[in-house]
Amino acid sequence: MSTRPVAKHESIELNLESMSVEEGLRLIEEERVQPLVEYLRTGVFKNNTNMTFMTAYSVVVQFGDNPAHSLKLYSYYKKVINQYCLDSVGYLNGLSGEVLLKTLAEKWEKTTILVFWMRRVFQYLDRFFTKNSAEYPDLFTAALREFKDTIYDSVKEKCGHALVEAINREREGQEVDQDVLRAVVEMLCTVGNDLPQVEKQKGVGGAGDRLLWTYGTFKNEVYKADFELLLLSSTAQYYQTKVAGWRAAYSCPEFLAETQRRLDDEDRRLSQYLHESSSEELRRVVQKELILNTAKDLTQMSTGAQAMFRNKSY
């Protein structure tokens, strides 16, 4: 049996009956996994043929009905995901701010690609091995847990603060990469949810296909605990500071115009990259700081409503 990488259109000599599970895993490693990991590193996918995919998939099917062999296949699948995540942990832990967000978004995207193609090879395990097991979660869930336990949990505190800092920079009129923020928010919404899957979404308007995580009923525990609570408290502090300056600098009409602009700005942010579950709480915080906490002072300003009625300047 030959296990060397094959060229396009070249067939692979395969004798599954005489192959051990260890030999099968070496074949999968050489023909499919190593080229995939190299692609994620370099952007060049060597050996990306239907023949190599079918070879790897055939190995999984051959051994997937044997519980002991299935466990070895499953363990190898998790090991590949875990090792890919581990390779970046040290580097990510040394980053902060915008650079951390960008690097984390890239790692999330590449891990999604890895999980999608690895699961295609090992999907037979979900038909019987994981389906009938309370101990071993399905392949998508197992992969997501590897990412969360290995990468996300090590940077989640810095990630939450970096997101808030980026949002405050945008509030100040600075440009931020909304694609990066959107990807990190997607990651936050995914890692805490059940029934995850990676699906290929067809591109529209000339855009390429995109791999997208989906999940069951949205559970916002991770998103809320690691980001939303921090976002709400920092938003309150941000607008408290702004309002103090506006009171001294703006007339009542100018203050109201700035308030409306900020409310519109927060609505736009919600629609562009924050999760919709934040809408009610974020609007409540912003309205409290910009409207409820300022209404009395505004009416008493020299350009406020009382002065307007007194001077008949309405």
C-alpha atoms as a PDB file:
ATOM      1  CA  MET A   1       0.000   0.000   0.000  1.00  0.00           C
ATOM      2  CA  SER A   2       1.295   3.438  -0.896  1.00  0.00           C
ATOM      3  CA  THR A   3       0.634   6.334   1.487  1.00  0.00           C
ATOM      4  CA  ARG A   4       2.635   9.013  -0.329  1.00  0.00           C
ATOM      5  CA  PRO A   5       0.834  12.204  -1.442  1.00  0.00           C
ATOM      6  CA  VAL A   6      -0.693  11.792  -4.866  1.00  0.00           C
ATOM      7  CA  ALA A   7      -0.874  14.190  -7.771  1.00  0.00           C
ATOM      8  CA  LYS A   8      -4.144  15.335  -9.262  1.00  0.00           C
ATOM      9  CA  HIS A   9      -5.976  12.599 -11.194  1.00  0.00           C
ATOM     10  CA  GLU A  10      -3.536   9.967  -9.847  1.00  0.00           C
ATOM     11  CA  SER A  11      -5.256   7.045  -8.135  1.00  0.00           C
ATOM     12  CA  ILE A  12      -4.351   5.670  -4.710  1.00  0.00           C
ATOM     13  CA  GLU A  13      -3.747   1.987  -4.154  1.00  0.00           C
ATOM     14  CA  LEU A  14      -6.028   1.156  -1.255  1.00  0.00           C
ATOM     15  CA  ASN A  15      -6.590  -2.179   0.428  1.00  0.00           C
ATOM     16  CA  LEU A  16      -8.880  -1.432   3.341  1.00  0.00           C
ATOM     17  CA  GLU A  17      -9.335  -5.063   4.316  1.00  0.00           C
ATOM     18  CA  SER A  18      -5.679  -5.499   5.223  1.00  0.00           C
ATOM     19  CA  MET A  19      -5.214  -2.011   6.715  1.00  0.00           C
ATOM     20  CA  SER A  20      -5.008  -1.360  10.461  1.00  0.00           C
ATOM     21  CA  VAL A  21      -6.735   1.642  11.992  1.00  0.00           C
ATOM     22  CA  GLU A  22      -3.323   3.147  12.753  1.00  0.00           C
ATOM     23  CA  GLU A  23      -2.340   2.830   9.088  1.00  0.00           C
ATOM     24  CA  GLY A  24      -5.638   4.368   8.109  1.00  0.00           C
ATOM     25  CA  LEU A  25      -5.025   7.357  10.360  1.00  0.00           C
ATOM     26  CA  ARG A  26      -1.553   7.834   8.874  1.00  0.00           C
ATOM     27  CA  LEU A  27      -3.137   7.833   5.430  1.00  0.00           C
ATOM     28  CA  ILE A  28      -5.706  10.437   6.485  1.00  0.00           C
ATOM     29  CA  GLU A  29      -2.933  12.507   8.038  1.00  0.00           C
ATOM     30  CA  GLU A  30      -0.779  12.530   4.912  1.00  0.00           C
ATOM     31  CA  GLU A  31      -3.447  12.738   2.246  1.00  0.00           C
ATOM     32  CA  ARG A  32      -5.902  15.152   3.830  1.00  0.00           C
ATOM     33  CA  VAL A  33      -4.959  16.692   7.174  1.00  0.00           C
ATOM     34  CA  GLN A  34      -1.425  17.867   6.472  1.00  0.00           C
ATOM     35  CA  PRO A  35      -2.421  19.551   3.167  1.00  0.00           C
ATOM     36  CA  LEU A  36      -5.381  21.226   4.919  1.00  0.00           C
ATOM     37  CA  VAL A  37      -3.271  22.597   7.775  1.00  0.00           C
ATOM     38  CA  GLU A  38      -0.660  23.755   5.262  1.00  0.00           C
ATOM     39  CA  TYR A  39      -3.385  25.556   3.327  1.00  0.00           C
ATOM     40  CA  LEU A  40      -4.466  27.395   6.469  1.00  0.00           C
ATOM     41  CA  ARG A  41      -0.853  28.447   6.997  1.00  0.00           C
ATOM     42  CA  THR A  42       0.078  29.400   3.421  1.00  0.00           C
ATOM     43  CA  GLY A  43      -3.149  29.774   1.438  1.00  0.00           C
ATOM     44  CA  VAL A  44      -2.094  27.018  -0.984  1.00  0.00           C
ATOM     45  CA  PHE A  45      -4.093  23.779  -0.931  1.00  0.00           C
ATOM     46  CA  LYS A  46      -2.044  20.933  -2.387  1.00  0.00           C
ATOM     47  CA  ASN A  47      -3.697  17.594  -2.977  1.00  0.00           C
ATOM     48  CA  ASN A  48      -7.205  19.067  -2.831  1.00  0.00           C
ATOM     49  CA  THR A  49      -8.947  16.441  -4.967  1.00  0.00           C
ATOM     50  CA  ASN A  50     -12.082  14.358  -4.668  1.00  0.00           C
ATOM     51  CA  MET A  51      -9.852  11.294  -4.783  1.00  0.00           C
ATOM     52  CA  THR A  52      -7.983  12.191  -1.600  1.00  0.00           C
ATOM     53  CA  PHE A  53     -11.220  13.141   0.151  1.00  0.00           C
ATOM     54  CA  MET A  54     -12.906   9.865  -0.789  1.00  0.00           C
ATOM     55  CA  THR A  55      -9.823   7.937   0.299  1.00  0.00           C
ATOM     56  CA  ALA A  56      -9.842   9.546   3.732  1.00  0.00           C
ATOM     57  CA  TYR A  57     -13.618   9.198   4.066  1.00  0.00           C
ATOM     58  CA  SER A  58     -13.438   5.508   3.048  1.00  0.00           C
ATOM     59  CA  VAL A  59     -10.975   4.850   5.862  1.00  0.00           C
ATOM     60  CA  VAL A  60     -13.395   6.338   8.409  1.00  0.00           C
ATOM     61  CA  VAL A  61     -16.299   4.297   7.048  1.00  0.00           C
ATOM     62  CA  GLN A  62     -14.179   1.132   7.101  1.00  0.00           C
ATOM     63  CA  PHE A  63     -13.386   1.454  10.803  1.00  0.00           C
ATOM     64  CA  GLY A  64     -16.347   3.541  11.985  1.00  0.00           C
ATOM     65  CA  ASP A  65     -18.578   0.593  12.905  1.00  0.00           C
ATOM     66  CA  ASN A  66     -16.105  -0.745  15.459  1.00  0.00           C
ATOM     67  CA  PRO A  67     -16.453   1.138  18.779  1.00  0.00           C
ATOM     68  CA  ALA A  68     -12.764   0.812  19.692  1.00  0.00           C
ATOM     69  CA  HIS A  69     -11.668   1.978  16.241  1.00  0.00           C
ATOM     70  CA  SER A  70     -14.276   4.741  16.245  1.00  0.00           C
ATOM     71  CA  LEU A  71     -12.841   6.064  19.483  1.00  0.00           C
ATOM     72  CA  LYS A  72      -9.380   6.221  17.917  1.00  0.00           C
ATOM     73  CA  LEU A  73     -10.755   8.097  14.906  1.00  0.00           C
ATOM     74  CA  TYR A  74     -12.684  10.451  17.174  1.00  0.00           C
ATOM     75  CA  SER A  75      -9.675  11.069  19.394  1.00  0.00           C
ATOM     76  CA  TYR A  76      -7.532  11.835  16.368  1.00  0.00           C
ATOM     77  CA  TYR A  77     -10.138  14.312  15.073  1.00  0.00           C
ATOM     78  CA  LYS A  78     -10.107  16.166  18.400  1.00  0.00           C
ATOM     79  CA  LYS A  79      -6.314  16.047  18.551  1.00  0.00           C
ATOM     80  CA  VAL A  80      -5.987  17.793  15.189  1.00  0.00           C
ATOM     81  CA  ILE A  81      -8.355  20.599  16.237  1.00  0.00           C
ATOM     82  CA  ASN A  82      -6.686  20.906  19.639  1.00  0.00           C
ATOM     83  CA  GLN A  83      -3.168  21.067  18.199  1.00  0.00           C
ATOM     84  CA  TYR A  84      -4.172  23.686  15.643  1.00  0.00           C
ATOM     85  CA  CYS A  85      -5.600  25.828  18.446  1.00  0.00           C
ATOM     86  CA  LEU A  86      -2.645  25.262  20.763  1.00  0.00           C
ATOM     87  CA  ASP A  87      -0.223  26.491  18.102  1.00  0.00           C
ATOM     88  CA  SER A  88      -1.625  30.033  18.469  1.00  0.00           C
ATOM     89  CA  VAL A  89      -2.296  30.315  22.201  1.00  0.00           C
ATOM     90  CA  GLY A  90       1.111  31.636  23.199  1.00  0.00           C
ATOM     91  CA  TYR A  91       1.114  34.257  20.452  1.00  0.00           C
ATOM     92  CA  LEU A  92      -2.458  35.375  21.154  1.00  0.00           C
ATOM     93  CA  ASN A  93      -1.766  35.721  24.869  1.00  0.00           C
ATOM     94  CA  GLY A  94       0.897  38.299  24.051  1.00  0.00           C
ATOM     95  CA  LEU A  95      -1.511  40.519  22.111  1.00  0.00           C
ATOM     96  CA  SER A  96      -4.038  43.132  23.153  1.00  0.00           C
ATOM     97  CA  GLY A  97      -6.376  45.737  21.692  1.00  0.00           C
ATOM     98  CA  GLU A  98      -7.053  45.970  17.989  1.00  0.00           C
ATOM     99  CA  VAL A  99      -4.245  43.567  17.059  1.00  0.00           C
ATOM    100  CA  LEU A 100      -5.718  40.901  19.339  1.00  0.00           C
ATOM    101  CA  LEU A 101      -9.172  41.303  17.802  1.00  0.00           C
ATOM    102  CA  LYS A 102      -7.851  41.041  14.253  1.00  0.00           C
ATOM    103  CA  THR A 103      -5.683  38.013  15.007  1.00  0.00           C
ATOM    104  CA  LEU A 104      -8.474  36.304  16.937  1.00  0.00           C
ATOM    105  CA  ALA A 105     -10.944  36.921  14.096  1.00  0.00           C
ATOM    106  CA  GLU A 106      -8.490  35.366  11.623  1.00  0.00           C
ATOM    107  CA  LYS A 107      -7.944  32.365  13.880  1.00  0.00           C
ATOM    108  CA  TRP A 108     -11.699  31.928  14.290  1.00  0.00           C
ATOM    109  CA  GLU A 109     -12.178  32.000  10.523  1.00  0.00           C
ATOM    110  CA  LYS A 110      -9.382  29.483   9.880  1.00  0.00           C
ATOM    111  CA  THR A 111     -10.554  27.194  12.674  1.00  0.00           C
ATOM    112  CA  THR A 112     -14.013  27.272  11.096  1.00  0.00           C
ATOM    113  CA  ILE A 113     -12.482  26.154   7.778  1.00  0.00           C
ATOM    114  CA  LEU A 114     -10.540  23.392   9.511  1.00  0.00           C
ATOM    115  CA  VAL A 115     -13.616  22.125  11.372  1.00  0.00           C
ATOM    116  CA  PHE A 116     -15.779  22.176   8.241  1.00  0.00           C
ATOM    117  CA  TRP A 117     -13.381  20.047   6.174  1.00  0.00           C
ATOM    118  CA  MET A 118     -12.327  17.764   9.027  1.00  0.00           C
ATOM    119  CA  ARG A 119     -15.934  17.040   9.837  1.00  0.00           C
ATOM    120  CA  ARG A 120     -16.602  16.153   6.195  1.00  0.00           C
ATOM    121  CA  VAL A 121     -13.952  13.439   6.421  1.00  0.00           C
ATOM    122  CA  PHE A 122     -15.092  12.112   9.807  1.00  0.00           C
ATOM    123  CA  GLN A 123     -18.839  12.691   9.477  1.00  0.00           C
ATOM    124  CA  TYR A 124     -19.566   8.947   9.523  1.00  0.00           C
ATOM    125  CA  LEU A 125     -18.797   9.013  13.265  1.00  0.00           C
ATOM    126  CA  ASP A 126     -21.835  11.227  13.852  1.00  0.00           C
ATOM    127  CA  ARG A 127     -24.120   8.609  12.288  1.00  0.00           C
ATOM    128  CA  PHE A 128     -23.471   5.998  14.973  1.00  0.00           C
ATOM    129  CA  PHE A 129     -20.576   6.619  17.379  1.00  0.00           C
ATOM    130  CA  THR A 130     -21.484  10.063  18.765  1.00  0.00           C
ATOM    131  CA  LYS A 131     -25.222   9.656  18.138  1.00  0.00           C
ATOM    132  CA  ASN A 132     -25.450   6.758  20.554  1.00  0.00           C
ATOM    133  CA  SER A 133     -23.019   8.178  23.112  1.00  0.00           C
ATOM    134  CA  ALA A 134     -23.664  10.372  26.131  1.00  0.00           C
ATOM    135  CA  GLU A 135     -19.909  10.663  26.692  1.00  0.00           C
ATOM    136  CA  TYR A 136     -18.721  11.846  23.286  1.00  0.00           C
ATOM    137  CA  PRO A 137     -20.401  14.930  21.771  1.00  0.00           C
ATOM    138  CA  ASP A 138     -20.932  15.289  18.042  1.00  0.00           C
ATOM    139  CA  LEU A 139     -18.003  16.419  15.916  1.00  0.00           C
ATOM    140  CA  PHE A 140     -19.016  20.082  15.609  1.00  0.00           C
ATOM    141  CA  THR A 141     -19.605  20.384  19.362  1.00  0.00           C
ATOM    142  CA  ALA A 142     -16.329  18.625  20.181  1.00  0.00           C
ATOM    143  CA  ALA A 143     -14.403  20.955  17.879  1.00  0.00           C
ATOM    144  CA  LEU A 144     -16.076  24.077  19.267  1.00  0.00           C
ATOM    145  CA  ARG A 145     -15.251  22.995  22.807  1.00  0.00           C
ATOM    146  CA  GLU A 146     -11.601  22.537  21.831  1.00  0.00           C
ATOM    147  CA  PHE A 147     -11.537  26.090  20.482  1.00  0.00           C
ATOM    148  CA  LYS A 148     -13.285  27.512  23.545  1.00  0.00           C
ATOM    149  CA  ASP A 149     -11.192  25.645  26.114  1.00  0.00           C
ATOM    150  CA  THR A 150      -7.891  26.202  24.324  1.00  0.00           C
ATOM    151  CA  ILE A 151      -8.083  29.650  22.736  1.00  0.00           C
ATOM    152  CA  TYR A 152     -11.149  31.582  23.815  1.00  0.00           C
ATOM    153  CA  ASP A 153     -10.914  30.989  27.566  1.00  0.00           C
ATOM    154  CA  SER A 154      -7.284  32.142  27.558  1.00  0.00           C
ATOM    155  CA  VAL A 155      -8.055  35.554  25.988  1.00  0.00           C
ATOM    156  CA  LYS A 156     -11.723  36.210  26.824  1.00  0.00           C
ATOM    157  CA  GLU A 157     -11.068  38.958  29.376  1.00  0.00           C
ATOM    158  CA  LYS A 158      -8.727  40.871  27.062  1.00  0.00           C
ATOM    159  CA  CYS A 159     -11.097  40.251  24.160  1.00  0.00           C
ATOM    160  CA  GLY A 160     -14.047  41.863  25.947  1.00  0.00           C
ATOM    161  CA  HIS A 161     -12.029  44.951  26.882  1.00  0.00           C
ATOM    162  CA  ALA A 162     -10.592  45.228  23.359  1.00  0.00           C
ATOM    163  CA  LEU A 163     -14.091  45.160  21.862  1.00  0.00           C
ATOM    164  CA  VAL A 164     -15.286  47.923  24.170  1.00  0.00           C
ATOM    165  CA  GLU A 165     -12.207  50.022  23.400  1.00  0.00           C
ATOM    166  CA  ALA A 166     -12.832  49.640  19.663  1.00  0.00           C
ATOM    167  CA  ILE A 167     -16.478  50.675  20.063  1.00  0.00           C
ATOM    168  CA  ASN A 168     -15.494  53.760  22.048  1.00  0.00           C
ATOM    169  CA  ARG A 169     -12.962  54.686  19.368  1.00  0.00           C
ATOM    170  CA  GLU A 170     -15.733  54.432  16.792  1.00  0.00           C
ATOM    171  CA  ARG A 171     -17.947  56.621  18.975  1.00  0.00           C
ATOM    172  CA  GLU A 172     -15.154  59.189  18.839  1.00  0.00           C
ATOM    173  CA  GLY A 173     -15.261  59.176  15.053  1.00  0.00           C
ATOM    174  CA  GLN A 174     -12.249  56.934  14.458  1.00  0.00           C
ATOM    175  CA  GLU A 175     -12.369  54.189  11.854  1.00  0.00           C
ATOM    176  CA  VAL A 176     -12.555  50.606  13.057  1.00  0.00           C
ATOM    177  CA  ASP A 177     -12.661  47.353  11.111  1.00  0.00           C
ATOM    178  CA  GLN A 178     -16.301  46.369  11.451  1.00  0.00           C
ATOM    179  CA  ASP A 179     -15.688  43.027   9.727  1.00  0.00           C
ATOM    180  CA  VAL A 180     -13.295  42.111  12.536  1.00  0.00           C
ATOM    181  CA  LEU A 181     -15.758  43.243  15.219  1.00  0.00           C
ATOM    182  CA  ARG A 182     -18.554  41.310  13.511  1.00  0.00           C
ATOM    183  CA  ALA A 183     -16.431  38.135  13.385  1.00  0.00           C
ATOM    184  CA  VAL A 184     -15.463  38.377  17.064  1.00  0.00           C
ATOM    185  CA  VAL A 185     -19.091  38.966  18.083  1.00  0.00           C
ATOM    186  CA  GLU A 186     -20.082  35.938  15.993  1.00  0.00           C
ATOM    187  CA  MET A 187     -17.465  33.928  17.894  1.00  0.00           C
ATOM    188  CA  LEU A 188     -18.835  35.134  21.247  1.00  0.00           C
ATOM    189  CA  CYS A 189     -22.363  34.156  20.228  1.00  0.00           C
ATOM    190  CA  THR A 190     -21.275  30.711  19.043  1.00  0.00           C
ATOM    191  CA  VAL A 191     -18.941  29.344  21.717  1.00  0.00           C
ATOM    192  CA  GLY A 192     -21.640  29.259  24.376  1.00  0.00           C
ATOM    193  CA  ASN A 193     -24.369  27.598  22.346  1.00  0.00           C
ATOM    194  CA  ASP A 194     -25.629  24.065  21.781  1.00  0.00           C
ATOM    195  CA  LEU A 195     -26.092  22.198  18.501  1.00  0.00           C
ATOM    196  CA  PRO A 196     -23.407  24.107  16.572  1.00  0.00           C
ATOM    197  CA  GLN A 197     -22.847  23.448  12.877  1.00  0.00           C
ATOM    198  CA  VAL A 198     -20.727  24.950  10.136  1.00  0.00           C
ATOM    199  CA  GLU A 199     -22.659  25.539   6.923  1.00  0.00           C
ATOM    200  CA  LYS A 200     -21.561  26.821   3.545  1.00  0.00           C
ATOM    201  CA  GLN A 201     -23.413  29.992   2.633  1.00  0.00           C
ATOM    202  CA  LYS A 202     -23.604  30.844  -1.051  1.00  0.00           C
ATOM    203  CA  GLY A 203     -22.143  34.197  -1.969  1.00  0.00           C
ATOM    204  CA  VAL A 204     -24.302  36.828  -3.663  1.00  0.00           C
ATOM    205  CA  GLY A 205     -23.381  39.652  -5.992  1.00  0.00           C
ATOM    206  CA  GLY A 206     -20.098  38.088  -7.008  1.00  0.00           C
ATOM    207  CA  ALA A 207     -18.976  37.391  -3.439  1.00  0.00           C
ATOM    208  CA  GLY A 208     -17.430  34.017  -2.713  1.00  0.00           C
ATOM    209  CA  ASP A 209     -19.018  31.321  -0.590  1.00  0.00           C
ATOM    210  CA  ARG A 210     -18.703  31.735   3.171  1.00  0.00           C
ATOM    211  CA  LEU A 211     -18.565  29.229   5.981  1.00  0.00           C
ATOM    212  CA  LEU A 212     -20.921  30.240   8.772  1.00  0.00           C
ATOM    213  CA  TRP A 213     -21.531  28.786  12.232  1.00  0.00           C
ATOM    214  CA  THR A 214     -25.161  28.159  13.140  1.00  0.00           C
ATOM    215  CA  TYR A 215     -26.625  26.856  16.382  1.00  0.00           C
ATOM    216  CA  GLY A 216     -29.882  25.965  18.112  1.00  0.00           C
ATOM    217  CA  THR A 217     -31.801  28.346  20.349  1.00  0.00           C
ATOM    218  CA  PHE A 218     -29.509  31.269  21.153  1.00  0.00           C
ATOM    219  CA  LYS A 219     -28.072  31.178  24.669  1.00  0.00           C
ATOM    220  CA  ASN A 220     -26.377  34.429  25.497  1.00  0.00           C
ATOM    221  CA  GLU A 221     -24.510  33.398  28.668  1.00  0.00           C
ATOM    222  CA  VAL A 222     -21.017  33.767  27.184  1.00  0.00           C
ATOM    223  CA  TYR A 223     -21.887  36.820  25.080  1.00  0.00           C
ATOM    224  CA  LYS A 224     -23.553  38.512  28.046  1.00  0.00           C
ATOM    225  CA  ALA A 225     -21.042  37.585  30.763  1.00  0.00           C
ATOM    226  CA  ASP A 226     -17.870  38.196  28.769  1.00  0.00           C
ATOM    227  CA  PHE A 227     -18.936  41.200  26.695  1.00  0.00           C
ATOM    228  CA  GLU A 228     -22.424  42.672  27.032  1.00  0.00           C
ATOM    229  CA  LEU A 229     -22.215  43.514  30.752  1.00  0.00           C
ATOM    230  CA  LEU A 230     -18.900  45.253  30.143  1.00  0.00           C
ATOM    231  CA  LEU A 231     -20.339  47.051  27.117  1.00  0.00           C
ATOM    232  CA  LEU A 232     -23.309  48.370  29.106  1.00  0.00           C
ATOM    233  CA  SER A 233     -21.236  49.645  32.030  1.00  0.00           C
ATOM    234  CA  SER A 234     -18.646  51.281  29.771  1.00  0.00           C
ATOM    235  CA  THR A 235     -21.416  52.844  27.664  1.00  0.00           C
ATOM    236  CA  ALA A 236     -22.917  54.442  30.762  1.00  0.00           C
ATOM    237  CA  GLN A 237     -19.511  55.796  31.802  1.00  0.00           C
ATOM    238  CA  TYR A 238     -18.770  57.034  28.288  1.00  0.00           C
ATOM    239  CA  TYR A 239     -21.982  59.047  27.998  1.00  0.00           C
ATOM    240  CA  GLN A 240     -21.781  60.360  31.565  1.00  0.00           C
ATOM    241  CA  THR A 241     -18.449  61.918  30.641  1.00  0.00           C
ATOM    242  CA  LYS A 242     -19.784  63.227  27.336  1.00  0.00           C
ATOM    243  CA  VAL A 243     -22.885  64.774  28.884  1.00  0.00           C
ATOM    244  CA  ALA A 244     -20.768  66.687  31.425  1.00  0.00           C
ATOM    245  CA  GLY A 245     -18.894  68.328  28.558  1.00  0.00           C
ATOM    246  CA  TRP A 246     -21.976  68.959  26.431  1.00  0.00           C
ATOM    247  CA  ARG A 247     -23.754  70.800  29.249  1.00  0.00           C
ATOM    248  CA  ALA A 248     -20.962  73.368  29.277  1.00  0.00           C
ATOM    249  CA  ALA A 249     -20.505  73.620  25.522  1.00  0.00           C
ATOM    250  CA  TYR A 250     -23.955  73.238  23.925  1.00  0.00           C
ATOM    251  CA  SER A 251     -27.197  75.155  23.881  1.00  0.00           C
ATOM    252  CA  CYS A 252     -30.343  73.169  24.520  1.00  0.00           C
ATOM    253  CA  PRO A 253     -31.144  72.713  20.778  1.00  0.00           C
ATOM    254  CA  GLU A 254     -27.540  71.686  20.107  1.00  0.00           C
ATOM    255  CA  PHE A 255     -27.625  69.239  23.004  1.00  0.00           C
ATOM    256  CA  LEU A 256     -30.833  67.669  21.683  1.00  0.00           C
ATOM    257  CA  ALA A 257     -29.392  67.403  18.177  1.00  0.00           C
ATOM    258  CA  GLU A 258     -26.262  65.684  19.520  1.00  0.00           C
ATOM    259  CA  THR A 259     -28.426  63.335  21.580  1.00  0.00           C
ATOM    260  CA  GLN A 260     -30.414  62.301  18.505  1.00  0.00           C
ATOM    261  CA  ARG A 261     -27.223  61.751  16.531  1.00  0.00           C
ATOM    262  CA  ARG A 262     -25.852  59.505  19.255  1.00  0.00           C
ATOM    263  CA  LEU A 263     -29.069  57.503  19.511  1.00  0.00           C
ATOM    264  CA  ASP A 264     -29.004  56.925  15.747  1.00  0.00           C
ATOM    265  CA  ASP A 265     -25.339  55.971  15.972  1.00  0.00           C
ATOM    266  CA  GLU A 266     -26.046  53.302  18.596  1.00  0.00           C
ATOM    267  CA  ASP A 267     -28.917  51.891  16.504  1.00  0.00           C
ATOM    268  CA  ARG A 268     -26.598  51.667  13.509  1.00  0.00           C
ATOM    269  CA  ARG A 269     -24.011  49.852  15.608  1.00  0.00           C
ATOM    270  CA  LEU A 270     -26.623  47.339  16.717  1.00  0.00           C
ATOM    271  CA  SER A 271     -27.622  46.629  13.132  1.00  0.00           C
ATOM    272  CA  GLN A 272     -24.073  46.341  11.814  1.00  0.00           C
ATOM    273  CA  TYR A 273     -22.173  44.108  14.205  1.00  0.00           C
ATOM    274  CA  LEU A 274     -23.653  43.746  17.686  1.00  0.00           C
ATOM    275  CA  HIS A 275     -26.055  40.896  18.440  1.00  0.00           C
ATOM    276  CA  GLU A 276     -29.731  41.795  18.442  1.00  0.00           C
ATOM    277  CA  SER A 277     -30.093  40.531  22.015  1.00  0.00           C
ATOM    278  CA  SER A 278     -28.206  43.647  23.152  1.00  0.00           C
ATOM    279  CA  SER A 279     -30.684  46.076  21.611  1.00  0.00           C
ATOM    280  CA  GLU A 280     -33.086  46.547  24.527  1.00  0.00           C
ATOM    281  CA  GLU A 281     -30.450  46.888  27.248  1.00  0.00           C
ATOM    282  CA  LEU A 282     -28.103  49.095  25.222  1.00  0.00           C
ATOM    283  CA  ARG A 283     -30.909  51.457  24.222  1.00  0.00           C
ATOM    284  CA  ARG A 284     -32.076  51.598  27.835  1.00  0.00           C
ATOM    285  CA  VAL A 285     -28.606  52.604  29.070  1.00  0.00           C
ATOM    286  CA  VAL A 286     -28.090  55.206  26.341  1.00  0.00           C
ATOM    287  CA  GLN A 287     -31.547  56.731  26.792  1.00  0.00           C
ATOM    288  CA  LYS A 288     -31.074  56.903  30.559  1.00  0.00           C
ATOM    289  CA  GLU A 289     -27.783  58.800  30.281  1.00  0.00           C
ATOM    290  CA  LEU A 290     -28.798  61.071  27.386  1.00  0.00           C
ATOM    291  CA  ILE A 291     -32.473  61.734  28.136  1.00  0.00           C
ATOM    292  CA  LEU A 292     -33.714  60.718  31.584  1.00  0.00           C
ATOM    293  CA  ASN A 293     -30.682  62.003  33.483  1.00  0.00           C
ATOM    294  CA  THR A 294     -30.513  65.299  31.567  1.00  0.00           C
ATOM    295  CA  ALA A 295     -34.166  66.280  31.050  1.00  0.00           C
ATOM    296  CA  LYS A 296     -34.500  68.487  34.152  1.00  0.00           C
ATOM    297  CA  ASP A 297     -31.234  70.335  33.516  1.00  0.00           C
ATOM    298  CA  LEU A 298     -32.139  70.924  29.874  1.00  0.00           C
ATOM    299  CA  THR A 299     -35.429  72.595  30.706  1.00  0.00           C
ATOM    300  CA  GLN A 300     -33.618  74.963  33.098  1.00  0.00           C
ATOM    301  CA  MET A 301     -30.911  75.992  30.635  1.00  0.00           C
ATOM    302  CA  SER A 302     -31.003  79.565  29.323  1.00  0.00           C
ATOM    303  CA  THR A 303     -31.804  78.056  25.936  1.00  0.00           C
ATOM    304  CA  GLY A 304     -34.114  75.371  27.355  1.00  0.00           C
ATOM    305  CA  ALA A 305     -37.870  74.944  27.144  1.00  0.00           C
ATOM    306  CA  GLN A 306     -38.724  77.146  30.136  1.00  0.00           C
ATOM    307  CA  ALA A 307     -36.663  80.018  28.758  1.00  0.00           C
ATOM    308  CA  MET A 308     -38.169  79.544  25.304  1.00  0.00           C
ATOM    309  CA  PHE A 309     -41.714  79.806  26.657  1.00  0.00           C
ATOM    310  CA  ARG A 310     -40.823  82.728  28.944  1.00  0.00           C
ATOM    311  CA  ASN A 311     -39.201  84.650  26.111  1.00  0.00           C
ATOM    312  CA  LYS A 312     -41.767  83.437  23.557  1.00  0.00           C
ATOM    313  CA  SER A 313     -38.918  82.283  21.326  1.00  0.00           C
ATOM    314  CA  TYR A 314     -40.755  79.253  20.005  1.00  0.00           C
END
